[in-house]
Amino acid sequence: MDVTGPETDWRSTNFRQKLVSQIDDAMRKAGVAHNKSSKDMESHVFMKAKTRVKYLYLFPEVTGVSKEVWNNPQK
């Protein structure tokens, strides 16, 4: 997952939209289906997270996509 940028950048609309796209890609590659949209999942994580690290850490847990897929999106 490509998440470079300053610590405060994670709250920006552009950064969040990039993560929504990456959720879609990771779930498609992992073959994971959900009842919630990637935007809904991102909003849920955003509301729970207090820091960028926590925000990024929660995605594999919420989506059911393994950390290996998140860390190696090319596979």
C-alpha atoms as a PDB file:
ATOM      1  CA  MET A   1       0.000   0.000   0.000  1.00  0.00           C
ATOM      2  CA  ASP A   2       1.424   3.338  -1.026  1.00  0.00           C
ATOM      3  CA  VAL A   3       0.858   5.659   1.941  1.00  0.00           C
ATOM      4  CA  THR A   4       3.746   8.082   1.817  1.00  0.00           C
ATOM      5  CA  GLY A   5       3.325  11.634   3.045  1.00  0.00           C
ATOM      6  CA  PRO A   6       3.412  13.748   6.174  1.00  0.00           C
ATOM      7  CA  GLU A   7       1.693  12.649   9.378  1.00  0.00           C
ATOM      8  CA  THR A   8      -1.090  15.235   9.029  1.00  0.00           C
ATOM      9  CA  ASP A   9      -1.735  14.298   5.399  1.00  0.00           C
ATOM     10  CA  TRP A  10      -3.844  11.262   6.376  1.00  0.00           C
ATOM     11  CA  ARG A  11      -6.853  13.460   7.184  1.00  0.00           C
ATOM     12  CA  SER A  12      -6.954  15.099   3.754  1.00  0.00           C
ATOM     13  CA  THR A  13      -9.668  14.238   1.230  1.00  0.00           C
ATOM     14  CA  ASN A  14      -7.078  13.205  -1.369  1.00  0.00           C
ATOM     15  CA  PHE A  15      -5.304  10.815   0.980  1.00  0.00           C
ATOM     16  CA  ARG A  16      -8.581   9.272   2.132  1.00  0.00           C
ATOM     17  CA  GLN A  17      -9.814   8.840  -1.462  1.00  0.00           C
ATOM     18  CA  LYS A  18      -6.541   7.145  -2.360  1.00  0.00           C
ATOM     19  CA  LEU A  19      -7.134   4.652   0.453  1.00  0.00           C
ATOM     20  CA  VAL A  20     -10.694   4.008  -0.768  1.00  0.00           C
ATOM     21  CA  SER A  21      -9.247   3.072  -4.177  1.00  0.00           C
ATOM     22  CA  GLN A  22      -6.636   0.874  -2.536  1.00  0.00           C
ATOM     23  CA  ILE A  23      -9.332  -0.884  -0.495  1.00  0.00           C
ATOM     24  CA  ASP A  24     -11.141  -1.728  -3.732  1.00  0.00           C
ATOM     25  CA  ASP A  25      -7.944  -3.021  -5.340  1.00  0.00           C
ATOM     26  CA  ALA A  26      -6.832  -5.063  -2.328  1.00  0.00           C
ATOM     27  CA  MET A  27     -10.236  -6.680  -1.848  1.00  0.00           C
ATOM     28  CA  ARG A  28     -10.495  -7.509  -5.545  1.00  0.00           C
ATOM     29  CA  LYS A  29      -7.014  -9.072  -5.577  1.00  0.00           C
ATOM     30  CA  ALA A  30      -7.721 -11.027  -2.388  1.00  0.00           C
ATOM     31  CA  GLY A  31     -11.136 -12.168  -3.612  1.00  0.00           C
ATOM     32  CA  VAL A  32     -12.872 -10.704  -0.554  1.00  0.00           C
ATOM     33  CA  ALA A  33     -16.497  -9.537  -0.837  1.00  0.00           C
ATOM     34  CA  HIS A  34     -18.287  -7.234   1.610  1.00  0.00           C
ATOM     35  CA  ASN A  35     -21.764  -5.851   2.147  1.00  0.00           C
ATOM     36  CA  LYS A  36     -20.321  -2.407   2.860  1.00  0.00           C
ATOM     37  CA  SER A  37     -18.753  -0.184   0.232  1.00  0.00           C
ATOM     38  CA  SER A  38     -15.087   0.728   0.397  1.00  0.00           C
ATOM     39  CA  LYS A  39     -16.133   4.321   1.163  1.00  0.00           C
ATOM     40  CA  ASP A  40     -18.213   3.134   4.134  1.00  0.00           C
ATOM     41  CA  MET A  41     -15.286   1.060   5.427  1.00  0.00           C
ATOM     42  CA  GLU A  42     -12.901   3.986   5.065  1.00  0.00           C
ATOM     43  CA  SER A  43     -15.300   6.286   6.935  1.00  0.00           C
ATOM     44  CA  HIS A  44     -15.605   3.751   9.747  1.00  0.00           C
ATOM     45  CA  VAL A  45     -11.820   3.479  10.081  1.00  0.00           C
ATOM     46  CA  PHE A  46     -11.396   7.259   9.875  1.00  0.00           C
ATOM     47  CA  MET A  47     -13.867   7.787  12.730  1.00  0.00           C
ATOM     48  CA  LYS A  48     -12.089   5.221  14.942  1.00  0.00           C
ATOM     49  CA  ALA A  49      -8.513   6.304  14.250  1.00  0.00           C
ATOM     50  CA  LYS A  50      -6.821   9.029  16.223  1.00  0.00           C
ATOM     51  CA  THR A  51      -3.465   8.789  14.430  1.00  0.00           C
ATOM     52  CA  ARG A  52      -2.190   7.987  10.945  1.00  0.00           C
ATOM     53  CA  VAL A  53      -0.590   4.779  12.209  1.00  0.00           C
ATOM     54  CA  LYS A  54      -3.851   3.565  13.725  1.00  0.00           C
ATOM     55  CA  TYR A  55      -5.751   4.608  10.583  1.00  0.00           C
ATOM     56  CA  LEU A  56      -3.497   2.510   8.368  1.00  0.00           C
ATOM     57  CA  TYR A  57      -3.306  -0.371  10.856  1.00  0.00           C
ATOM     58  CA  LEU A  58      -7.089  -0.836  10.942  1.00  0.00           C
ATOM     59  CA  PHE A  59      -7.613  -1.450   7.218  1.00  0.00           C
ATOM     60  CA  PRO A  60      -6.611  -5.122   7.073  1.00  0.00           C
ATOM     61  CA  GLU A  61      -8.743  -5.816  10.138  1.00  0.00           C
ATOM     62  CA  VAL A  62     -11.834  -4.046   8.797  1.00  0.00           C
ATOM     63  CA  THR A  63     -11.635  -5.361   5.235  1.00  0.00           C
ATOM     64  CA  GLY A  64     -10.552  -8.919   6.004  1.00  0.00           C
ATOM     65  CA  VAL A  65      -7.666  -8.533   3.565  1.00  0.00           C
ATOM     66  CA  SER A  66      -4.382  -9.889   4.904  1.00  0.00           C
ATOM     67  CA  LYS A  67      -1.549  -7.535   5.749  1.00  0.00           C
ATOM     68  CA  GLU A  68       0.572  -9.246   3.107  1.00  0.00           C
ATOM     69  CA  VAL A  69      -1.829  -8.091   0.373  1.00  0.00           C
ATOM     70  CA  TRP A  70      -1.853  -4.566   1.796  1.00  0.00           C
ATOM     71  CA  ASN A  71       1.941  -4.466   2.024  1.00  0.00           C
ATOM     72  CA  ASN A  72       2.496  -6.029  -1.420  1.00  0.00           C
ATOM     73  CA  PRO A  73      -0.318  -4.772  -3.671  1.00  0.00           C
ATOM     74  CA  GLN A  74       1.485  -5.845  -6.874  1.00  0.00           C
ATOM     75  CA  LYS A  75       1.031  -9.561  -6.118  1.00  0.00           C
END
